[in-house]
C-alpha atoms as a PDB file:
ATOM      1  CA  MET A   1     226.433 201.904   3.413  1.00  0.00           C
ATOM      2  CA  LYS A   2     223.231 200.312   2.163  1.00  0.00           C
ATOM      3  CA  ARG A   3     223.254 200.280  -1.541  1.00  0.00           C
ATOM      4  CA  LYS A   4     219.906 201.785  -1.619  1.00  0.00           C
ATOM      5  CA  ASP A   5     221.145 204.774   0.758  1.00  0.00           C
ATOM      6  CA  LEU A   6     223.840 205.346  -1.825  1.00  0.00           C
ATOM      7  CA  ILE A   7     221.719 205.358  -4.899  1.00  0.00           C
ATOM      8  CA  ASP A   8     219.315 207.964  -3.246  1.00  0.00           C
ATOM      9  CA  THR A   9     222.317 210.144  -2.336  1.00  0.00           C
ATOM     10  CA  ILE A  10     224.019 210.477  -6.032  1.00  0.00           C
ATOM     11  CA  GLU A  11     220.454 210.663  -7.544  1.00  0.00           C
ATOM     12  CA  SER A  12     219.783 213.796  -5.311  1.00  0.00           C
ATOM     13  CA  LEU A  13     223.235 215.063  -6.942  1.00  0.00           C
ATOM     14  CA  GLY A  14     221.324 214.837 -10.180  1.00  0.00           C
ATOM     15  CA  CYS A  15     222.938 211.526 -11.221  1.00  0.00           C
ATOM     16  CA  VAL A  16     221.016 208.854 -13.675  1.00  0.00           C
ATOM     17  CA  LEU A  17     221.319 205.436 -14.585  1.00  0.00           C
ATOM     18  CA  ILE A  18     222.907 204.497 -17.786  1.00  0.00           C
ATOM     19  CA  ARG A  19     222.343 200.996 -17.726  1.00  0.00           C
ATOM     20  CA  HIS A  20     222.326 197.856 -15.733  1.00  0.00           C
ATOM     21  CA  GLY A  21     225.124 195.401 -15.380  1.00  0.00           C
ATOM     22  CA  ALA A  22     225.543 191.743 -13.995  1.00  0.00           C
ATOM     23  CA  LYS A  23     227.704 192.895 -11.293  1.00  0.00           C
ATOM     24  CA  HIS A  24     227.672 196.926 -11.397  1.00  0.00           C
ATOM     25  CA  ASP A  25     225.452 199.753 -12.490  1.00  0.00           C
ATOM     26  CA  LEU A  26     226.850 202.813 -14.134  1.00  0.00           C
ATOM     27  CA  TYR A  27     225.688 206.363 -13.203  1.00  0.00           C
ATOM     28  CA  HIS A  28     226.250 209.612 -14.819  1.00  0.00           C
ATOM     29  CA  ASN A  29     226.358 213.103 -13.755  1.00  0.00           C
ATOM     30  CA  PRO A  30     225.572 215.251 -16.432  1.00  0.00           C
ATOM     31  CA  LYS A  31     226.453 218.409 -14.501  1.00  0.00           C
ATOM     32  CA  THR A  32     230.000 217.149 -14.105  1.00  0.00           C
ATOM     33  CA  GLY A  33     230.214 214.856 -16.710  1.00  0.00           C
ATOM     34  CA  MET A  34     231.562 211.858 -14.518  1.00  0.00           C
ATOM     35  CA  THR A  35     230.492 208.441 -14.666  1.00  0.00           C
ATOM     36  CA  GLN A  36     230.958 205.556 -11.827  1.00  0.00           C
ATOM     37  CA  PRO A  37     230.042 201.886 -11.597  1.00  0.00           C
ATOM     38  CA  ILE A  38     227.996 201.167  -8.431  1.00  0.00           C
ATOM     39  CA  PRO A  39     228.623 197.651  -7.357  1.00  0.00           C
ATOM     40  CA  ARG A  40     225.388 195.594  -6.942  1.00  0.00           C
ATOM     41  CA  HIS A  41     225.985 194.289  -3.467  1.00  0.00           C
ATOM     42  CA  TRP A  42     223.449 194.747  -0.460  1.00  0.00           C
ATOM     43  CA  GLU A  43     226.385 196.587   1.537  1.00  0.00           C
ATOM     44  CA  ILE A  44     228.832 198.842   0.402  1.00  0.00           C
ATOM     45  CA  HIS A  45     232.119 199.756   2.233  1.00  0.00           C
ATOM     46  CA  GLU A  46     231.854 203.308   3.700  1.00  0.00           C
ATOM     47  CA  PHE A  47     235.580 204.160   2.203  1.00  0.00           C
ATOM     48  CA  LEU A  48     234.179 203.198  -1.570  1.00  0.00           C
ATOM     49  CA  ALA A  49     230.824 204.845  -1.167  1.00  0.00           C
ATOM     50  CA  LYS A  50     232.579 208.086   0.060  1.00  0.00           C
ATOM     51  CA  LYS A  51     234.772 208.032  -3.005  1.00  0.00           C
ATOM     52  CA  ILE A  52     231.868 207.348  -5.664  1.00  0.00           C
ATOM     53  CA  VAL A  53     229.922 210.335  -3.905  1.00  0.00           C
ATOM     54  CA  ARG A  54     233.104 212.648  -4.211  1.00  0.00           C
ATOM     55  CA  ASP A  55     233.944 211.703  -7.671  1.00  0.00           C
ATOM     56  CA  LEU A  56     230.335 212.136  -8.867  1.00  0.00           C
ATOM     57  CA  SER A  57     229.971 215.148  -7.465  1.00  0.00           C
ATOM     58  CA  ASN A  58     233.175 217.360  -7.491  1.00  0.00           C
ATOM     59  CA  HIS A  59     234.581 217.353 -11.158  1.00  0.00           C
END
């Protein structure tokens, strides 16, 4: 999955960017209280992308 598509997906869930890092960006979902690092790669493996979306949306 392209990083841009993953960012669009998690932002549509209500997630906000907390900070930029060298290798990861931190996104937080205020509704669920979950925070996840998002790798700063062009492509993110499907398995990892699905885990990030699941973790940010379910708790």
